[in-house]
Amino acid sequence: MNSLNEFVKFIEKLLKIKIKDKNLIKVALTHTSKEILKPPINFETLEFLGDSIINFIISEKVFKKYQNFNEGV
């Protein structure tokens, strides 16, 4: 993926959803060292959101790929 827009489209297609505020995704996945908004906002909350989205996607893929495995494998 070359851009955030492509990533958002991928997420929308994968989860079969429509993301209303795509800028929020950009903020959530951007490190705090890069100022992208004025005035600054609470990045920790958005970082939690971004981490949760990534964890969900990875968990779903692992679950689907290894659904016949026992817990702990």
C-alpha atoms as a PDB file:
ATOM      1  CA  MET A   1       0.000   0.000   0.000  1.00  0.00           C
ATOM      2  CA  ASN A   2       1.401   3.336  -0.968  1.00  0.00           C
ATOM      3  CA  SER A   3      -0.850   5.758   0.804  1.00  0.00           C
ATOM      4  CA  LEU A   4      -3.204   6.239   3.674  1.00  0.00           C
ATOM      5  CA  ASN A   5      -6.140   6.427   1.269  1.00  0.00           C
ATOM      6  CA  GLU A   6      -5.296   2.980  -0.088  1.00  0.00           C
ATOM      7  CA  PHE A   7      -5.006   1.655   3.473  1.00  0.00           C
ATOM      8  CA  VAL A   8      -8.408   3.098   4.407  1.00  0.00           C
ATOM      9  CA  LYS A   9      -9.984   1.563   1.289  1.00  0.00           C
ATOM     10  CA  PHE A  10      -8.387  -1.776   2.182  1.00  0.00           C
ATOM     11  CA  ILE A  11      -9.791  -1.609   5.730  1.00  0.00           C
ATOM     12  CA  GLU A  12     -13.246  -0.621   4.480  1.00  0.00           C
ATOM     13  CA  LYS A  13     -13.272  -3.530   2.018  1.00  0.00           C
ATOM     14  CA  LEU A  14     -11.873  -6.022   4.530  1.00  0.00           C
ATOM     15  CA  LEU A  15     -14.343  -5.102   7.271  1.00  0.00           C
ATOM     16  CA  LYS A  16     -17.202  -4.252   4.893  1.00  0.00           C
ATOM     17  CA  ILE A  17     -17.670  -0.843   6.512  1.00  0.00           C
ATOM     18  CA  LYS A  18     -17.604   2.796   5.453  1.00  0.00           C
ATOM     19  CA  ILE A  19     -15.306   5.039   7.490  1.00  0.00           C
ATOM     20  CA  LYS A  20     -16.938   8.459   7.799  1.00  0.00           C
ATOM     21  CA  ASP A  21     -13.992  10.472   9.138  1.00  0.00           C
ATOM     22  CA  LYS A  22     -10.904   9.254   7.303  1.00  0.00           C
ATOM     23  CA  ASN A  23      -8.822  12.024   8.846  1.00  0.00           C
ATOM     24  CA  LEU A  24      -9.378  10.393  12.240  1.00  0.00           C
ATOM     25  CA  ILE A  25      -7.641   7.254  10.942  1.00  0.00           C
ATOM     26  CA  LYS A  26      -4.716   9.401   9.803  1.00  0.00           C
ATOM     27  CA  VAL A  27      -4.468  10.996  13.231  1.00  0.00           C
ATOM     28  CA  ALA A  28      -4.810   7.646  15.024  1.00  0.00           C
ATOM     29  CA  LEU A  29      -2.000   6.049  13.031  1.00  0.00           C
ATOM     30  CA  THR A  30       0.404   9.009  13.069  1.00  0.00           C
ATOM     31  CA  HIS A  31       3.180   9.216  15.648  1.00  0.00           C
ATOM     32  CA  THR A  32       2.992  12.131  18.078  1.00  0.00           C
ATOM     33  CA  SER A  33       6.342  13.452  16.883  1.00  0.00           C
ATOM     34  CA  LYS A  34       4.641  14.510  13.659  1.00  0.00           C
ATOM     35  CA  GLU A  35       2.369  17.461  14.256  1.00  0.00           C
ATOM     36  CA  ILE A  36      -0.554  17.152  11.881  1.00  0.00           C
ATOM     37  CA  LEU A  37      -3.231  19.119  13.663  1.00  0.00           C
ATOM     38  CA  LYS A  38      -3.415  22.518  15.269  1.00  0.00           C
ATOM     39  CA  PRO A  39      -4.190  22.750  18.131  1.00  0.00           C
ATOM     40  CA  PRO A  40      -2.735  19.416  19.242  1.00  0.00           C
ATOM     41  CA  ILE A  41      -5.213  16.769  20.258  1.00  0.00           C
ATOM     42  CA  ASN A  42      -4.966  13.828  22.631  1.00  0.00           C
ATOM     43  CA  PHE A  43      -3.017  11.348  20.559  1.00  0.00           C
ATOM     44  CA  GLU A  44      -3.003   8.691  23.271  1.00  0.00           C
ATOM     45  CA  THR A  45      -6.717   8.041  22.803  1.00  0.00           C
ATOM     46  CA  LEU A  46      -6.297   7.835  19.041  1.00  0.00           C
ATOM     47  CA  GLU A  47      -3.183   5.685  19.423  1.00  0.00           C
ATOM     48  CA  PHE A  48      -5.309   3.250  21.423  1.00  0.00           C
ATOM     49  CA  LEU A  49      -7.877   3.263  18.608  1.00  0.00           C
ATOM     50  CA  GLY A  50      -5.211   2.647  15.970  1.00  0.00           C
ATOM     51  CA  ASP A  51      -3.638  -0.167  17.969  1.00  0.00           C
ATOM     52  CA  SER A  52      -7.059  -1.727  18.494  1.00  0.00           C
ATOM     53  CA  ILE A  53      -7.820  -1.662  14.771  1.00  0.00           C
ATOM     54  CA  ILE A  54      -4.502  -3.296  13.917  1.00  0.00           C
ATOM     55  CA  ASN A  55      -4.904  -5.912  16.670  1.00  0.00           C
ATOM     56  CA  PHE A  56      -8.401  -6.729  15.431  1.00  0.00           C
ATOM     57  CA  ILE A  57      -7.276  -7.208  11.845  1.00  0.00           C
ATOM     58  CA  ILE A  58      -4.338  -9.400  12.804  1.00  0.00           C
ATOM     59  CA  SER A  59      -6.441 -11.441  15.255  1.00  0.00           C
ATOM     60  CA  GLU A  60      -9.114 -12.043  12.636  1.00  0.00           C
ATOM     61  CA  LYS A  61      -6.557 -13.213  10.073  1.00  0.00           C
ATOM     62  CA  VAL A  62      -4.850 -15.538  12.574  1.00  0.00           C
ATOM     63  CA  PHE A  63      -8.202 -16.911  13.739  1.00  0.00           C
ATOM     64  CA  LYS A  64      -9.340 -17.630  10.181  1.00  0.00           C
ATOM     65  CA  LYS A  65      -6.034 -19.178   9.120  1.00  0.00           C
ATOM     66  CA  TYR A  66      -5.647 -21.381  12.217  1.00  0.00           C
ATOM     67  CA  GLN A  67      -9.257 -22.010  13.227  1.00  0.00           C
ATOM     68  CA  ASN A  68      -8.681 -25.759  13.608  1.00  0.00           C
ATOM     69  CA  PHE A  69      -5.812 -25.336  16.079  1.00  0.00           C
ATOM     70  CA  ASN A  70      -6.231 -25.687  19.837  1.00  0.00           C
ATOM     71  CA  GLU A  71      -5.746 -22.685  22.090  1.00  0.00           C
ATOM     72  CA  GLY A  72      -2.092 -22.053  22.787  1.00  0.00           C
ATOM     73  CA  VAL A  73      -0.813 -23.491  19.520  1.00  0.00           C
END
